[in-house]
Amino acid sequence: MVHIANGWSSSEVNFFWNGIFIAGEFATTDFDVFGFSFYPFYDSAATYSALQSTLTGIVNKFGKVELFLIWHHDLLDLQCSLGCHGR
């Protein structure tokens, strides 16, 4: 897996993925999963629709459908389901 932060930011994500592949050094066949972080509280532009648009663009561009998303709220929800107090 190769991971990048700010999965909602199409410009950051595309800049990263457009620059990481070096002929003869690193190719899309060298990994199985694209990883993205998504923390919507960091920026007002970090919306679900922006995330969906970015991820759709990556799948369409590279033909990979294996995505791994790190999302802060999933962790909070899991912790709270186990008995947290005062979110």
Foldseek 3Di string as FASTA:
>chain_A
DDEDEPLLDLVVVCVVVVPPDDVPPDDPVVDQEYEYEQECVPDVSRDPVSNVVNLVVVCVVPVHDHYHYHYPVVVVVVVVVVPDPDD
